[in-house]
N, C-alpha and C. Protein backbone atom coordinates (compact mmCIF):
# COMPACT_ATOMS: atom_id res chain seq x y z
N UNK A 1 0.79 -1.32 0.04
CA UNK A 1 0.00 -0.03 0.00
C UNK A 1 0.94 1.25 -0.02
N UNK A 2 0.51 2.09 -0.81
CA UNK A 2 1.27 3.31 -0.90
C UNK A 2 0.84 4.32 0.18
N UNK A 3 1.51 5.41 0.42
CA UNK A 3 1.18 6.38 1.41
C UNK A 3 -0.08 7.16 0.85
N UNK A 4 -0.93 7.41 1.72
CA UNK A 4 -2.15 8.20 1.31
C UNK A 4 -1.99 9.76 1.41
N UNK A 5 -2.69 10.38 0.51
CA UNK A 5 -2.60 11.81 0.55
C UNK A 5 -3.46 12.27 1.76
N UNK A 6 -3.20 13.47 2.25
CA UNK A 6 -3.65 13.89 3.50
C UNK A 6 -5.21 14.06 3.52
N UNK A 7 -5.89 14.25 2.35
CA UNK A 7 -7.18 14.51 2.38
C UNK A 7 -8.04 13.11 2.58
N UNK A 8 -7.26 12.01 2.65
CA UNK A 8 -8.00 10.73 2.86
C UNK A 8 -8.72 10.66 4.09
N UNK A 9 -8.23 11.25 5.26
CA UNK A 9 -8.96 11.12 6.54
C UNK A 9 -10.18 11.91 6.61
N UNK A 10 -10.35 12.81 5.64
CA UNK A 10 -11.68 13.56 5.54
C UNK A 10 -12.63 12.88 4.75
N UNK A 11 -12.35 11.79 4.14
CA UNK A 11 -13.33 11.03 3.15
C UNK A 11 -14.10 10.24 4.14
N UNK A 12 -15.42 9.83 3.53
CA UNK A 12 -16.27 8.90 4.19
C UNK A 12 -15.72 7.48 4.00
N UNK A 13 -16.25 6.51 4.71
CA UNK A 13 -15.77 5.10 4.58
C UNK A 13 -16.00 4.69 3.15
N UNK A 14 -16.99 4.94 2.65
CA UNK A 14 -17.32 4.65 1.11
C UNK A 14 -16.29 5.20 0.29
N UNK A 15 -16.04 6.59 0.51
CA UNK A 15 -15.06 7.23 -0.39
C UNK A 15 -13.66 6.75 -0.12
N UNK A 16 -13.34 6.33 1.08
CA UNK A 16 -11.97 5.73 1.43
C UNK A 16 -11.80 4.38 0.54
N UNK A 17 -12.92 3.66 0.48
CA UNK A 17 -13.01 2.35 -0.24
C UNK A 17 -12.60 2.64 -1.66
N UNK A 18 -13.19 3.62 -2.31
CA UNK A 18 -12.99 3.99 -3.74
C UNK A 18 -11.59 4.49 -3.82
N UNK A 19 -11.07 5.26 -2.90
CA UNK A 19 -9.75 5.74 -2.96
C UNK A 19 -8.82 4.61 -2.92
N UNK A 20 -8.96 3.60 -1.99
CA UNK A 20 -8.14 2.52 -1.98
C UNK A 20 -8.11 1.62 -3.22
N UNK A 21 -9.27 1.50 -3.80
CA UNK A 21 -9.28 0.70 -5.03
C UNK A 21 -8.63 1.42 -6.15
N UNK A 22 -8.79 2.83 -6.24
CA UNK A 22 -8.00 3.60 -7.27
C UNK A 22 -6.49 3.44 -7.04
N UNK A 23 -6.17 3.54 -5.79
CA UNK A 23 -4.80 3.58 -5.42
C UNK A 23 -4.05 2.34 -5.82
N UNK A 24 -4.86 1.22 -5.71
CA UNK A 24 -4.31 -0.16 -6.22
C UNK A 24 -4.15 -0.44 -7.60
N UNK A 25 -4.69 0.49 -8.50
CA UNK A 25 -4.53 0.27 -9.94
C UNK A 25 -3.54 1.34 -10.42
N UNK A 26 -2.35 0.78 -10.85
CA UNK A 26 -1.21 1.57 -11.14
C UNK A 26 -0.77 1.50 -12.56
N UNK A 27 -1.48 0.94 -13.48
CA UNK A 27 -1.13 1.00 -14.90
C UNK A 27 -2.43 0.98 -15.70
N UNK A 28 -2.21 1.51 -16.92
CA UNK A 28 -3.24 1.41 -18.04
C UNK A 28 -2.43 0.80 -19.25
N UNK A 29 -2.73 -0.41 -19.59
CA UNK A 29 -1.96 -1.05 -20.64
C UNK A 29 -2.76 -0.88 -21.91
N UNK A 30 -2.19 -0.06 -22.78
CA UNK A 30 -2.81 0.09 -24.09
C UNK A 30 -2.59 -1.33 -24.97
N UNK A 31 -3.55 -1.68 -25.75
CA UNK A 31 -3.38 -2.85 -26.66
C UNK A 31 -2.35 -2.62 -27.69
N UNK A 32 -2.33 -1.58 -28.32
CA UNK A 32 -1.48 -1.35 -29.35
C UNK A 32 -1.01 0.20 -29.27
N UNK A 33 0.06 0.55 -28.58
CA UNK A 33 0.49 1.96 -28.40
C UNK A 33 1.05 2.53 -29.74
N UNK A 34 1.75 1.59 -30.47
CA UNK A 34 2.55 2.18 -31.56
C UNK A 34 1.82 2.97 -32.52
N UNK A 35 0.65 2.59 -33.06
CA UNK A 35 -0.18 3.61 -33.91
C UNK A 35 -0.61 4.94 -33.20
N UNK A 36 -0.51 4.94 -31.78
CA UNK A 36 -0.99 6.23 -31.21
C UNK A 36 0.23 7.17 -31.05
N UNK A 37 1.43 6.69 -31.16
CA UNK A 37 2.61 7.65 -31.01
C UNK A 37 2.58 8.82 -31.90
N UNK A 38 2.29 8.50 -33.33
CA UNK A 38 2.35 9.67 -34.16
C UNK A 38 1.21 10.67 -33.89
N UNK A 39 0.09 10.21 -33.24
CA UNK A 39 -0.94 11.16 -32.91
C UNK A 39 -0.50 12.07 -31.75
N UNK A 40 0.26 11.49 -30.74
CA UNK A 40 0.90 12.27 -29.63
C UNK A 40 1.91 13.31 -30.40
N UNK A 41 2.78 12.82 -31.34
CA UNK A 41 3.63 13.66 -31.99
C UNK A 41 2.99 14.89 -32.72
N UNK A 42 1.79 14.55 -33.27
CA UNK A 42 1.04 15.61 -33.92
C UNK A 42 0.62 16.74 -33.09
N UNK A 43 0.41 16.33 -31.88
CA UNK A 43 -0.12 17.33 -30.82
C UNK A 43 1.14 18.34 -30.59
N UNK A 44 2.34 17.72 -30.57
CA UNK A 44 3.43 18.56 -30.26
C UNK A 44 3.63 19.47 -31.47
N UNK A 45 3.41 18.93 -32.75
CA UNK A 45 3.71 19.86 -33.92
C UNK A 45 2.74 20.97 -33.92
N UNK A 46 1.50 20.63 -33.66
CA UNK A 46 0.36 21.62 -33.76
C UNK A 46 0.45 22.63 -32.53
N UNK A 47 0.83 22.19 -31.37
CA UNK A 47 1.05 23.17 -30.25
C UNK A 47 2.11 24.15 -30.58
N UNK A 48 3.14 23.76 -31.25
CA UNK A 48 4.21 24.59 -31.58
C UNK A 48 3.68 25.82 -32.48
N UNK A 49 2.64 25.45 -33.37
CA UNK A 49 2.05 26.45 -34.20
C UNK A 49 1.25 27.37 -33.49
N UNK A 50 0.64 26.86 -32.43
CA UNK A 50 -0.06 27.81 -31.49
C UNK A 50 -1.57 28.11 -31.87
N UNK A 51 -2.12 27.33 -32.73
CA UNK A 51 -3.49 27.67 -33.20
C UNK A 51 -4.53 26.53 -32.56
N UNK A 52 -5.52 27.04 -31.98
CA UNK A 52 -6.38 26.29 -31.05
C UNK A 52 -7.10 25.11 -31.86
N UNK A 53 -7.61 25.54 -33.11
CA UNK A 53 -8.34 24.50 -33.81
C UNK A 53 -7.57 23.27 -34.13
N UNK A 54 -6.58 23.32 -34.71
CA UNK A 54 -5.60 22.28 -35.14
C UNK A 54 -5.10 21.55 -33.80
N UNK A 55 -4.84 22.20 -32.83
CA UNK A 55 -4.48 21.52 -31.52
C UNK A 55 -5.70 20.58 -31.05
N UNK A 56 -6.81 21.38 -30.97
CA UNK A 56 -8.00 20.51 -30.59
C UNK A 56 -8.25 19.30 -31.50
N UNK A 57 -8.11 19.39 -32.83
CA UNK A 57 -8.37 18.22 -33.58
C UNK A 57 -7.28 17.09 -33.42
N UNK A 58 -6.00 17.48 -33.14
CA UNK A 58 -5.00 16.46 -32.82
C UNK A 58 -5.31 15.82 -31.46
N UNK A 59 -5.77 16.66 -30.52
CA UNK A 59 -6.04 16.09 -29.10
C UNK A 59 -7.30 15.18 -29.24
N UNK A 60 -8.32 15.48 -30.04
CA UNK A 60 -9.51 14.74 -30.28
C UNK A 60 -9.17 13.43 -30.87
N UNK A 61 -8.37 13.55 -31.88
CA UNK A 61 -7.84 12.27 -32.60
C UNK A 61 -7.12 11.27 -31.59
N UNK A 62 -6.29 11.81 -30.78
CA UNK A 62 -5.61 10.94 -29.80
C UNK A 62 -6.62 10.44 -28.87
N UNK A 63 -7.53 11.30 -28.28
CA UNK A 63 -8.49 10.73 -27.32
C UNK A 63 -9.43 9.72 -27.91
N UNK A 64 -9.79 9.91 -29.21
CA UNK A 64 -10.70 8.91 -29.77
C UNK A 64 -9.96 7.44 -29.93
N UNK A 65 -8.70 7.73 -30.38
CA UNK A 65 -8.02 6.36 -30.47
C UNK A 65 -7.67 5.66 -29.09
N UNK A 66 -7.44 6.54 -28.02
CA UNK A 66 -7.20 5.99 -26.75
C UNK A 66 -8.51 5.29 -26.31
N UNK A 67 -9.63 5.98 -26.53
CA UNK A 67 -10.91 5.36 -26.14
C UNK A 67 -11.20 4.03 -26.92
N UNK A 68 -10.93 4.06 -28.20
CA UNK A 68 -11.20 2.82 -29.01
C UNK A 68 -10.24 1.73 -28.55
N UNK A 69 -9.02 1.97 -28.37
CA UNK A 69 -8.05 1.04 -27.80
C UNK A 69 -8.43 0.47 -26.44
N UNK A 70 -8.97 1.27 -25.68
CA UNK A 70 -9.28 0.73 -24.24
C UNK A 70 -10.78 0.39 -24.15
N UNK A 71 -11.55 0.55 -25.36
CA UNK A 71 -13.10 -0.02 -25.29
C UNK A 71 -13.79 0.84 -24.18
N UNK A 72 -13.66 2.16 -24.32
CA UNK A 72 -14.49 2.97 -23.52
C UNK A 72 -15.10 3.95 -24.50
N UNK A 73 -16.12 4.70 -24.01
CA UNK A 73 -16.90 5.69 -24.78
C UNK A 73 -15.86 6.84 -25.07
N UNK A 74 -16.11 7.47 -26.15
CA UNK A 74 -15.28 8.55 -26.58
C UNK A 74 -15.60 9.89 -25.65
N UNK A 75 -14.65 10.85 -25.60
CA UNK A 75 -14.94 12.24 -24.88
C UNK A 75 -14.90 13.28 -25.92
N UNK A 76 -15.51 14.30 -25.63
CA UNK A 76 -15.25 15.54 -26.47
C UNK A 76 -14.32 16.45 -25.95
N UNK A 77 -13.34 16.76 -26.66
CA UNK A 77 -12.07 17.62 -26.16
C UNK A 77 -12.31 19.00 -26.76
N UNK A 78 -12.12 19.96 -25.83
CA UNK A 78 -12.09 21.39 -26.14
C UNK A 78 -10.69 21.98 -25.76
N UNK A 79 -10.14 22.74 -26.64
CA UNK A 79 -8.95 23.47 -26.34
C UNK A 79 -9.19 24.93 -26.11
N UNK A 80 -9.08 25.49 -25.03
CA UNK A 80 -9.34 26.88 -24.77
C UNK A 80 -7.92 27.65 -24.55
N UNK A 81 -8.17 28.88 -24.54
CA UNK A 81 -6.84 29.77 -24.74
C UNK A 81 -6.09 29.89 -23.38
N UNK A 82 -6.35 30.74 -22.66
CA UNK A 82 -5.56 31.13 -21.42
C UNK A 82 -6.11 30.52 -20.15
N UNK A 83 -5.18 29.78 -19.42
CA UNK A 83 -5.60 29.01 -18.25
C UNK A 83 -6.25 30.04 -17.17
N UNK A 84 -7.41 29.56 -16.73
CA UNK A 84 -8.06 30.42 -15.59
C UNK A 84 -7.15 30.17 -14.40
N UNK A 85 -7.04 31.20 -13.56
CA UNK A 85 -6.09 31.31 -12.40
C UNK A 85 -6.60 32.08 -11.25
N UNK A 86 -6.02 31.89 -10.00
CA UNK A 86 -6.27 32.61 -8.95
C UNK A 86 -4.76 32.87 -8.43
N UNK A 87 -4.66 33.61 -7.29
CA UNK A 87 -3.28 33.93 -6.77
C UNK A 87 -2.44 32.78 -6.46
N UNK A 88 -3.15 31.55 -6.31
CA UNK A 88 -2.27 30.28 -5.86
C UNK A 88 -2.15 29.33 -6.92
N UNK A 89 -2.91 29.29 -8.06
CA UNK A 89 -2.77 28.21 -8.94
C UNK A 89 -3.45 28.60 -10.34
N UNK A 90 -3.12 27.68 -11.26
CA UNK A 90 -3.69 27.82 -12.54
C UNK A 90 -4.57 26.48 -12.82
N UNK A 91 -5.62 26.55 -13.54
CA UNK A 91 -6.23 25.26 -13.97
C UNK A 91 -5.66 24.80 -15.39
N UNK A 92 -5.25 23.61 -15.40
CA UNK A 92 -4.62 23.21 -16.54
C UNK A 92 -5.59 22.41 -17.47
N UNK A 93 -6.46 21.69 -16.76
CA UNK A 93 -7.37 20.92 -17.55
C UNK A 93 -8.68 20.53 -16.68
N UNK A 94 -9.68 20.17 -17.21
CA UNK A 94 -10.89 19.75 -16.56
C UNK A 94 -11.70 18.59 -17.17
N UNK A 95 -12.10 17.69 -16.36
CA UNK A 95 -12.80 16.57 -16.92
C UNK A 95 -14.32 16.68 -16.31
N UNK A 96 -15.35 16.59 -17.25
CA UNK A 96 -16.72 16.71 -16.78
C UNK A 96 -17.39 15.48 -17.42
N UNK A 97 -17.95 14.48 -16.43
CA UNK A 97 -18.82 13.46 -16.80
C UNK A 97 -20.12 14.09 -17.10
N UNK A 98 -20.89 13.33 -17.88
CA UNK A 98 -22.24 13.93 -18.07
C UNK A 98 -23.22 12.76 -17.69
N UNK A 99 -24.50 13.27 -17.40
CA UNK A 99 -25.51 12.21 -17.06
C UNK A 99 -26.49 12.10 -18.09
N UNK A 100 -26.52 12.93 -19.15
CA UNK A 100 -27.58 12.83 -20.12
C UNK A 100 -27.26 12.26 -21.31
N UNK A 101 -26.31 11.29 -21.28
CA UNK A 101 -26.05 10.39 -22.46
C UNK A 101 -25.05 11.07 -23.46
N UNK A 102 -24.77 12.40 -23.29
CA UNK A 102 -23.82 13.15 -24.13
C UNK A 102 -22.32 12.62 -23.67
N UNK A 103 -21.47 12.78 -24.61
CA UNK A 103 -20.09 12.38 -24.31
C UNK A 103 -19.53 13.26 -23.17
N UNK A 104 -18.68 12.55 -22.29
CA UNK A 104 -18.05 13.30 -21.35
C UNK A 104 -17.18 14.35 -21.97
N UNK A 105 -16.68 15.45 -21.27
CA UNK A 105 -15.98 16.38 -21.71
C UNK A 105 -14.59 16.62 -21.09
N UNK A 106 -13.51 16.97 -21.98
CA UNK A 106 -12.23 17.43 -21.50
C UNK A 106 -11.87 18.78 -22.01
N UNK A 107 -11.71 19.64 -21.00
CA UNK A 107 -11.26 21.01 -21.35
C UNK A 107 -9.70 21.10 -21.19
N UNK A 108 -9.00 21.62 -21.98
CA UNK A 108 -7.56 21.92 -21.94
C UNK A 108 -7.20 23.29 -22.24
N UNK A 109 -6.33 23.95 -21.42
CA UNK A 109 -5.89 25.30 -21.65
C UNK A 109 -4.53 25.32 -22.29
N UNK A 110 -4.36 26.00 -23.33
CA UNK A 110 -3.08 25.84 -24.07
C UNK A 110 -2.08 27.02 -23.73
N UNK A 111 -2.50 28.08 -22.98
CA UNK A 111 -1.51 29.07 -22.71
C UNK A 111 -1.49 29.28 -21.21
N UNK A 112 -0.32 29.61 -20.68
CA UNK A 112 -0.18 29.99 -19.31
C UNK A 112 -0.99 31.19 -18.95
N UNK A 113 -1.24 31.37 -17.67
CA UNK A 113 -2.07 32.57 -17.18
C UNK A 113 -1.23 33.68 -17.14
N UNK A 114 0.06 33.57 -16.56
CA UNK A 114 0.82 34.73 -16.23
C UNK A 114 1.35 35.40 -17.65
N UNK A 115 2.04 34.46 -18.43
CA UNK A 115 2.87 35.05 -19.57
C UNK A 115 1.99 34.82 -20.92
N UNK A 116 0.89 34.02 -20.81
CA UNK A 116 0.19 33.72 -21.98
C UNK A 116 0.91 33.09 -23.10
N UNK A 117 1.93 32.25 -22.70
CA UNK A 117 2.72 31.57 -23.59
C UNK A 117 2.09 30.15 -23.77
N UNK A 118 2.32 29.57 -25.01
CA UNK A 118 1.96 28.22 -25.31
C UNK A 118 2.53 27.26 -24.15
N UNK A 119 1.81 26.43 -23.59
CA UNK A 119 2.14 25.44 -22.68
C UNK A 119 3.14 24.50 -23.27
N UNK A 120 4.18 23.98 -22.50
CA UNK A 120 5.12 23.01 -22.96
C UNK A 120 4.42 21.71 -23.34
N UNK A 121 4.90 21.13 -24.42
CA UNK A 121 4.32 19.96 -24.96
C UNK A 121 3.98 18.79 -23.98
N UNK A 122 5.11 18.35 -23.31
CA UNK A 122 4.99 17.43 -22.31
C UNK A 122 3.86 17.56 -21.18
N UNK A 123 3.77 18.96 -20.74
CA UNK A 123 3.03 19.31 -19.70
C UNK A 123 1.47 19.23 -20.36
N UNK A 124 1.38 19.66 -21.58
CA UNK A 124 0.06 19.72 -22.15
C UNK A 124 -0.35 18.22 -22.49
N UNK A 125 0.48 17.39 -22.95
CA UNK A 125 0.07 16.05 -23.21
C UNK A 125 -0.33 15.30 -21.91
N UNK A 126 0.57 15.57 -20.90
CA UNK A 126 0.25 14.96 -19.66
C UNK A 126 -1.19 15.42 -19.05
N UNK A 127 -1.43 16.72 -19.21
CA UNK A 127 -2.82 17.15 -18.88
C UNK A 127 -3.89 16.48 -19.57
N UNK A 128 -3.84 16.26 -20.90
CA UNK A 128 -4.78 15.60 -21.60
C UNK A 128 -4.93 14.06 -21.02
N UNK A 129 -3.81 13.52 -20.78
CA UNK A 129 -3.89 12.05 -20.33
C UNK A 129 -4.45 12.08 -18.87
N UNK A 130 -4.14 13.12 -18.05
CA UNK A 130 -4.48 13.23 -16.68
C UNK A 130 -6.08 13.20 -16.73
N UNK A 131 -6.65 14.11 -17.48
CA UNK A 131 -8.11 14.23 -17.63
C UNK A 131 -8.78 12.93 -18.20
N UNK A 132 -8.06 12.30 -19.20
CA UNK A 132 -8.57 11.02 -19.75
C UNK A 132 -8.53 9.94 -18.78
N UNK A 133 -7.62 10.03 -17.86
CA UNK A 133 -7.58 8.99 -16.74
C UNK A 133 -8.79 9.14 -15.82
N UNK A 134 -9.29 10.34 -15.56
CA UNK A 134 -10.60 10.45 -14.92
C UNK A 134 -11.67 9.71 -15.62
N UNK A 135 -11.68 9.88 -16.86
CA UNK A 135 -12.64 9.11 -17.72
C UNK A 135 -12.51 7.56 -17.62
N UNK A 136 -11.24 7.21 -17.48
CA UNK A 136 -11.07 5.70 -17.35
C UNK A 136 -11.47 5.27 -16.03
N UNK A 137 -11.23 6.17 -14.95
CA UNK A 137 -11.70 5.74 -13.62
C UNK A 137 -13.18 5.27 -13.63
N UNK A 138 -14.04 6.13 -14.33
CA UNK A 138 -15.43 5.69 -14.36
C UNK A 138 -15.71 4.69 -15.38
N UNK A 139 -15.20 4.71 -16.49
CA UNK A 139 -15.63 3.76 -17.57
C UNK A 139 -14.95 2.48 -17.62
N UNK A 140 -13.66 2.53 -17.43
CA UNK A 140 -12.77 1.25 -17.50
C UNK A 140 -12.76 0.58 -16.12
N UNK A 141 -12.53 1.29 -15.21
CA UNK A 141 -12.34 0.60 -13.82
C UNK A 141 -13.72 0.75 -12.90
N UNK A 142 -14.81 1.34 -13.41
CA UNK A 142 -16.03 1.19 -12.69
C UNK A 142 -15.95 1.97 -11.35
N UNK A 143 -15.25 2.89 -11.13
CA UNK A 143 -15.10 3.62 -10.01
C UNK A 143 -16.21 4.59 -9.83
N UNK A 144 -16.91 4.74 -8.81
CA UNK A 144 -17.93 5.65 -8.72
C UNK A 144 -17.54 7.17 -8.39
N UNK A 145 -16.22 7.37 -8.25
CA UNK A 145 -15.66 8.66 -8.12
C UNK A 145 -14.20 8.62 -8.48
N UNK A 146 -13.55 9.67 -8.94
CA UNK A 146 -12.12 9.65 -9.49
C UNK A 146 -11.42 10.50 -8.50
N UNK A 147 -10.60 9.90 -7.68
CA UNK A 147 -9.74 10.60 -6.87
C UNK A 147 -8.25 10.70 -7.22
N UNK A 148 -7.57 11.84 -6.84
CA UNK A 148 -6.18 11.93 -7.18
C UNK A 148 -5.39 11.11 -6.13
N UNK A 149 -5.09 9.80 -6.54
CA UNK A 149 -4.43 9.00 -5.68
C UNK A 149 -2.99 8.71 -6.21
N UNK A 150 -2.06 8.17 -5.57
CA UNK A 150 -0.84 7.81 -6.17
C UNK A 150 -1.01 6.84 -7.29
N UNK A 151 -1.91 5.90 -7.18
CA UNK A 151 -2.27 5.02 -8.22
C UNK A 151 -2.74 5.75 -9.47
N UNK A 152 -3.53 6.69 -9.28
CA UNK A 152 -4.03 7.64 -10.38
C UNK A 152 -2.87 8.19 -11.09
N UNK A 153 -1.97 8.83 -10.41
CA UNK A 153 -0.80 9.54 -11.07
C UNK A 153 0.10 8.52 -11.76
N UNK A 154 0.21 7.30 -11.18
CA UNK A 154 0.95 6.18 -11.76
C UNK A 154 0.31 5.76 -13.24
N UNK A 155 -0.99 5.75 -13.14
CA UNK A 155 -1.77 5.48 -14.39
C UNK A 155 -1.58 6.38 -15.45
N UNK A 156 -1.49 7.69 -15.10
CA UNK A 156 -1.27 8.74 -16.03
C UNK A 156 0.12 8.62 -16.67
N UNK A 157 1.06 8.23 -15.71
CA UNK A 157 2.44 8.04 -16.18
C UNK A 157 2.57 6.80 -17.05
N UNK A 158 1.86 5.85 -16.77
CA UNK A 158 1.91 4.66 -17.65
C UNK A 158 1.43 5.00 -19.04
N UNK A 159 0.41 5.66 -19.19
CA UNK A 159 -0.08 6.17 -20.54
C UNK A 159 1.07 7.01 -21.13
N UNK A 160 1.48 7.91 -20.45
CA UNK A 160 2.57 8.82 -21.11
C UNK A 160 3.69 8.10 -21.65
N UNK A 161 4.30 7.21 -20.77
CA UNK A 161 5.44 6.33 -21.13
C UNK A 161 5.15 5.57 -22.47
N UNK A 162 3.97 5.04 -22.57
CA UNK A 162 3.60 4.28 -23.83
C UNK A 162 3.45 5.05 -24.99
N UNK A 163 3.29 6.31 -24.83
CA UNK A 163 3.05 7.29 -26.12
C UNK A 163 4.25 8.05 -26.42
N UNK A 164 5.14 8.32 -25.38
CA UNK A 164 6.24 9.29 -25.55
C UNK A 164 7.50 8.57 -25.39
N UNK A 165 7.83 7.75 -24.41
CA UNK A 165 9.07 7.22 -24.05
C UNK A 165 9.39 6.05 -24.90
């Protein structure tokens, strides 16, 4: 068992059980990562050009192929301009599940809040994969909630390694 994050003690027993299950899942194994690598590379190329529409299209293509590879429903990806922020943090991405049968949504912000510069490729790709991991928690692993556990971050890293490393 890995060390738990501090907020664990504030969770209900039900939520702690979900957390523990999430923490025990440390990898997402793609059936065939090789065909997905050029899609990740395409995000890098399009991000360097700094145009939202083409970046969104590249992110959507990768998300669609990830969903197909893992046999989960597809998500709708939006790429937005400048990250929302407050004095303490910036929002990099957001996953929203839906109850109405519409696809779940992933929002990604492509520019930093302070300098409004295009986000670094690896950071941007990790954000997409992070939000996609929330989708996997619900759809692939059947978790009723998606917590940021060490297992969650390990799953994100396992996807990243398969696509980039």
